[in-house]
Amino acid sequence: MKRQQNTPVRVAWAAFAALALVHLAAQLVGAETAADVTQWFLMPMLAAVLWLSTVAPRSRLVVLTLVALGLSWLGDSAPDLAHGDTAFLLMVGFFLLAQITYIAAFAPFTTANVLRRNRGVVVAYVVVVALLIAACAPGAGALLVPALVYGAALGAMAILAAGVNRTVAIGGGLFLVSDGMIALGAFADWFTPPVEGFWVMATYIAAEVLIVLGVLAAGGDRRRGASAPRARAGNG
């Protein structure tokens, strides 16, 4: 009986893994059409994994994570909806909403005590965001203000992620790495790593997967018919 109940989740994970592998392979070989098409389905499939892994009534943490995955999907699709600065602003706008949603999801797990325990992480993220903005500012031009707003939201999300559990914390950090590469690629002429798209997407996919796994591990919902523990997950 348990095997039948878990089959949809396993199928969803397998489909997501196949999409991710094909997408990353397409990024490596420069197959733009395959990369674009597979990118459209990555976040919806990951959202399906989270949905199928939980049962009603779903917790606030799970619901907000589902919303953030939907907004991330819109951000992924933005480059195909417009061109140039308009496409970039659409992408930033959707991902900004995703970060705000993640902030709302993670904030209840973060107390003053959690922030004190993670003081080094907080300082590190503040420094990283400040350096990233400093590196991008000379080339950002009229897009500097949106970049500043998004950078602040991204840093806040990464800091608050550390309050949920270690898995979500690593996911938040990788999200910062991925979007940092996008910002440097857009605004810093000196940033020209090989197969940049591959590294951006590899860290982004890993970030979203770890956030989903951490949300499931946080006990924010009932899974497979069992009641979720009421205790808040920590960093240990």
Protein backbone atom coordinates (compact mmCIF):
# COMPACT_ATOMS: atom_id res chain seq x y z
CA MET A 1 0.00 0.00 0.00
CA LYS A 2 2.78 2.42 0.87
CA ARG A 3 4.47 1.65 -2.45
CA GLN A 4 1.31 2.64 -4.34
CA GLN A 5 1.01 5.87 -2.38
CA ASN A 6 4.63 6.81 -3.06
CA THR A 7 4.62 5.94 -6.76
CA PRO A 8 3.37 9.37 -7.98
CA VAL A 9 6.11 11.10 -5.99
CA ARG A 10 8.80 8.82 -7.41
CA VAL A 11 7.48 9.36 -10.94
CA ALA A 12 7.48 13.14 -10.44
CA TRP A 13 11.04 13.08 -9.09
CA ALA A 14 12.16 10.92 -12.03
CA ALA A 15 10.52 13.26 -14.54
CA PHE A 16 12.11 16.28 -12.88
CA ALA A 17 15.54 14.62 -12.82
CA ALA A 18 15.25 13.72 -16.51
CA LEU A 19 14.25 17.29 -17.40
CA ALA A 20 17.11 18.72 -15.35
CA LEU A 21 19.69 16.40 -16.92
CA VAL A 22 18.50 17.14 -20.45
CA HIS A 23 18.45 20.85 -19.72
CA LEU A 24 21.96 20.93 -18.28
CA ALA A 25 23.28 18.80 -21.15
CA ALA A 26 21.67 21.25 -23.58
CA GLN A 27 23.36 24.13 -21.77
CA LEU A 28 26.73 22.39 -22.09
CA VAL A 29 26.46 21.76 -25.84
CA GLY A 30 24.74 25.04 -26.67
CA ALA A 31 21.42 23.49 -27.79
CA GLU A 32 19.36 26.62 -27.13
CA THR A 33 15.97 25.29 -28.22
CA ALA A 34 16.23 22.19 -26.03
CA ALA A 35 17.49 24.32 -23.13
CA ASP A 36 14.57 26.76 -23.50
CA VAL A 37 11.88 24.10 -23.77
CA THR A 38 13.11 22.04 -20.82
CA GLN A 39 13.45 25.18 -18.69
CA TRP A 40 9.73 25.87 -19.12
CA PHE A 41 8.89 22.62 -17.32
CA LEU A 42 11.50 22.46 -14.55
CA MET A 43 9.73 24.47 -11.84
CA PRO A 44 6.22 23.15 -12.61
CA MET A 45 7.55 19.60 -12.23
CA LEU A 46 9.36 20.45 -8.99
CA ALA A 47 6.15 22.05 -7.71
CA ALA A 48 4.35 18.81 -8.63
CA VAL A 49 6.89 16.90 -6.52
CA LEU A 50 6.15 19.13 -3.52
CA TRP A 51 2.40 18.95 -4.07
CA LEU A 52 2.38 15.16 -4.39
CA SER A 53 4.68 14.79 -1.36
CA THR A 54 2.20 16.59 0.90
CA VAL A 55 -1.47 16.26 1.74
CA ALA A 56 -4.22 18.70 2.60
CA PRO A 57 -4.42 20.82 4.61
CA ARG A 58 -0.99 21.99 3.46
CA SER A 59 0.98 24.23 5.78
CA ARG A 60 1.73 27.88 5.20
CA LEU A 61 5.38 26.97 4.52
CA VAL A 62 4.44 24.49 1.80
CA VAL A 63 1.82 26.76 0.19
CA LEU A 64 4.20 29.73 0.03
CA THR A 65 6.96 27.52 -1.38
CA LEU A 66 4.55 26.38 -4.11
CA VAL A 67 3.76 30.03 -4.89
CA ALA A 68 7.48 30.88 -5.02
CA LEU A 69 8.10 27.99 -7.43
CA GLY A 70 5.32 29.34 -9.64
CA LEU A 71 6.85 32.80 -9.64
CA SER A 72 10.25 31.28 -10.37
CA TRP A 73 8.68 29.55 -13.38
CA LEU A 74 7.39 32.92 -14.61
CA GLY A 75 10.90 34.31 -14.17
CA ASP A 76 12.32 31.41 -16.17
CA SER A 77 9.80 32.11 -18.94
CA ALA A 78 10.34 35.88 -19.05
CA PRO A 79 13.20 35.82 -21.62
CA ASP A 80 10.79 34.14 -24.05
CA LEU A 81 8.09 36.75 -23.47
CA ALA A 82 10.10 39.85 -24.39
CA HIS A 83 13.56 41.01 -25.44
CA GLY A 84 16.40 43.19 -24.17
CA ASP A 85 15.93 45.26 -21.03
CA THR A 86 12.20 44.50 -20.95
CA ALA A 87 12.87 40.76 -20.70
CA PHE A 88 15.49 41.35 -18.01
CA LEU A 89 13.14 43.54 -15.97
CA LEU A 90 10.35 40.97 -16.29
CA MET A 91 12.70 38.24 -15.12
CA VAL A 92 13.94 40.33 -12.19
CA GLY A 93 10.37 41.30 -11.30
CA PHE A 94 9.09 37.73 -11.16
CA PHE A 95 12.11 36.49 -9.24
CA LEU A 96 11.81 39.45 -6.86
CA LEU A 97 8.25 38.33 -6.10
CA ALA A 98 9.58 34.78 -5.64
CA GLN A 99 12.19 36.01 -3.16
CA ILE A 100 9.59 38.04 -1.26
CA THR A 101 7.41 34.92 -1.08
CA TYR A 102 10.32 32.86 0.23
CA ILE A 103 11.04 35.61 2.78
CA ALA A 104 7.43 35.38 3.97
CA ALA A 105 7.70 31.58 4.11
CA PHE A 106 10.97 31.48 6.06
CA ALA A 107 10.47 34.47 8.38
CA PRO A 108 8.42 32.63 11.04
CA PHE A 109 11.35 30.25 11.56
CA THR A 110 13.77 33.09 12.29
CA THR A 111 14.07 34.56 15.79
CA ALA A 112 16.62 36.87 17.35
CA ASN A 113 18.29 33.81 18.84
CA VAL A 114 18.54 32.16 15.43
CA LEU A 115 20.10 35.30 13.99
CA ARG A 116 22.62 35.42 16.84
CA ARG A 117 23.56 31.78 16.26
CA ASN A 118 24.00 32.49 12.56
CA ARG A 119 25.75 35.85 12.98
CA GLY A 120 28.64 34.75 10.77
CA VAL A 121 26.25 33.72 8.00
CA VAL A 122 24.41 37.04 8.23
CA VAL A 123 27.64 39.05 8.02
CA ALA A 124 28.92 36.91 5.14
CA TYR A 125 25.75 37.39 3.10
CA VAL A 126 25.70 41.13 3.74
CA VAL A 127 29.30 41.38 2.55
CA VAL A 128 28.65 39.20 -0.50
CA VAL A 129 25.60 41.24 -1.56
CA ALA A 130 27.51 44.50 -1.03
CA LEU A 131 30.44 43.27 -3.13
CA LEU A 132 28.08 42.00 -5.82
CA ILE A 133 26.31 45.34 -6.03
CA ALA A 134 29.64 47.18 -6.13
CA ALA A 135 30.82 44.95 -8.98
CA CYS A 136 27.60 45.43 -10.97
CA ALA A 137 26.93 49.12 -10.31
CA PRO A 138 29.30 50.58 -12.94
CA GLY A 139 27.59 48.68 -15.74
CA ALA A 140 24.02 48.66 -14.46
CA GLY A 141 23.05 52.14 -15.64
CA ALA A 142 19.28 52.68 -15.45
CA LEU A 143 18.85 49.17 -14.08
CA LEU A 144 20.84 49.90 -10.93
CA VAL A 145 17.80 50.54 -8.71
CA PRO A 146 16.03 47.28 -9.67
CA ALA A 147 19.33 45.47 -9.16
CA LEU A 148 19.73 47.02 -5.69
CA VAL A 149 16.19 46.08 -4.66
CA TYR A 150 16.59 42.54 -5.92
CA GLY A 151 20.00 42.15 -4.31
CA ALA A 152 18.59 43.21 -0.94
CA ALA A 153 15.67 40.79 -1.23
CA LEU A 154 17.95 37.95 -2.32
CA GLY A 155 20.29 38.52 0.61
CA ALA A 156 17.37 38.67 3.05
CA MET A 157 15.97 35.41 1.67
CA ALA A 158 19.34 33.67 2.05
CA ILE A 159 19.70 34.92 5.64
CA LEU A 160 16.18 33.83 6.63
CA ALA A 161 16.63 30.44 4.93
CA ALA A 162 19.22 29.62 7.59
CA GLY A 163 16.46 29.72 10.19
CA VAL A 164 14.51 26.84 8.66
CA ASN A 165 17.15 24.10 8.51
CA ARG A 166 20.54 23.41 6.98
CA THR A 167 19.12 22.08 3.70
CA VAL A 168 17.05 25.21 3.06
CA ALA A 169 20.04 27.34 4.13
CA ILE A 170 22.28 25.73 1.50
CA GLY A 171 19.53 26.19 -1.07
CA GLY A 172 19.28 29.88 -0.23
CA GLY A 173 23.04 30.27 -0.53
CA LEU A 174 23.08 28.57 -3.93
CA PHE A 175 20.26 30.83 -5.09
CA LEU A 176 22.47 33.78 -4.22
CA VAL A 177 25.37 32.24 -6.17
CA SER A 178 23.19 31.57 -9.22
CA ASP A 179 21.61 35.02 -9.35
CA GLY A 180 24.97 36.60 -8.58
CA MET A 181 26.36 35.00 -11.73
CA ILE A 182 23.40 36.31 -13.74
CA ALA A 183 23.98 39.84 -12.41
CA LEU A 184 27.71 39.72 -13.13
CA GLY A 185 27.07 38.34 -16.59
CA ALA A 186 24.64 41.17 -17.33
CA PHE A 187 26.59 44.09 -15.84
CA ALA A 188 30.28 43.14 -15.48
CA ASP A 189 32.21 42.86 -18.75
CA TRP A 190 35.06 40.99 -17.02
CA PHE A 191 32.80 38.13 -15.94
CA THR A 192 33.02 35.62 -18.78
CA PRO A 193 33.21 32.07 -17.34
CA PRO A 194 33.04 29.10 -19.72
CA VAL A 195 29.54 27.63 -20.22
CA GLU A 196 28.09 30.32 -17.98
CA GLY A 197 24.52 29.17 -18.63
CA PHE A 198 25.33 25.70 -17.35
CA TRP A 199 26.70 26.97 -14.03
CA VAL A 200 23.83 29.43 -13.57
CA MET A 201 21.23 26.74 -14.14
CA ALA A 202 23.07 24.01 -12.21
CA THR A 203 23.21 26.18 -9.07
CA TYR A 204 19.64 27.42 -9.59
CA ILE A 205 18.20 23.93 -9.98
CA ALA A 206 20.17 22.69 -6.97
CA ALA A 207 18.95 25.69 -4.95
CA GLU A 208 15.27 25.07 -5.67
CA VAL A 209 15.60 21.31 -5.08
CA LEU A 210 17.31 21.84 -1.73
CA ILE A 211 14.67 24.35 -0.67
CA VAL A 212 11.91 21.86 -1.50
CA LEU A 213 13.72 19.04 0.33
CA GLY A 214 14.33 21.30 3.32
CA VAL A 215 10.71 22.40 3.41
CA LEU A 216 9.61 18.76 3.47
CA ALA A 217 12.16 17.98 6.18
CA ALA A 218 11.05 20.98 8.26
CA GLY A 219 7.87 19.18 9.25
CA GLY A 220 5.77 21.94 7.75
CA ASP A 221 3.12 19.49 6.51
CA ARG A 222 1.73 15.99 6.81
CA ARG A 223 3.18 13.47 4.40
CA ARG A 224 2.11 9.96 3.48
CA GLY A 225 -0.75 10.18 5.97
CA ALA A 226 1.43 11.01 9.00
CA SER A 227 1.03 14.15 11.07
CA ALA A 228 3.86 16.63 10.88
CA PRO A 229 5.82 17.27 14.05
CA ARG A 230 5.03 20.58 15.63
CA ALA A 231 8.60 21.34 16.65
CA ARG A 232 10.46 23.85 14.54
CA ALA A 233 13.39 22.42 12.59
CA GLY A 234 16.73 23.86 13.55
CA ASN A 235 20.12 24.17 11.95
CA GLY A 236 21.56 21.16 13.69
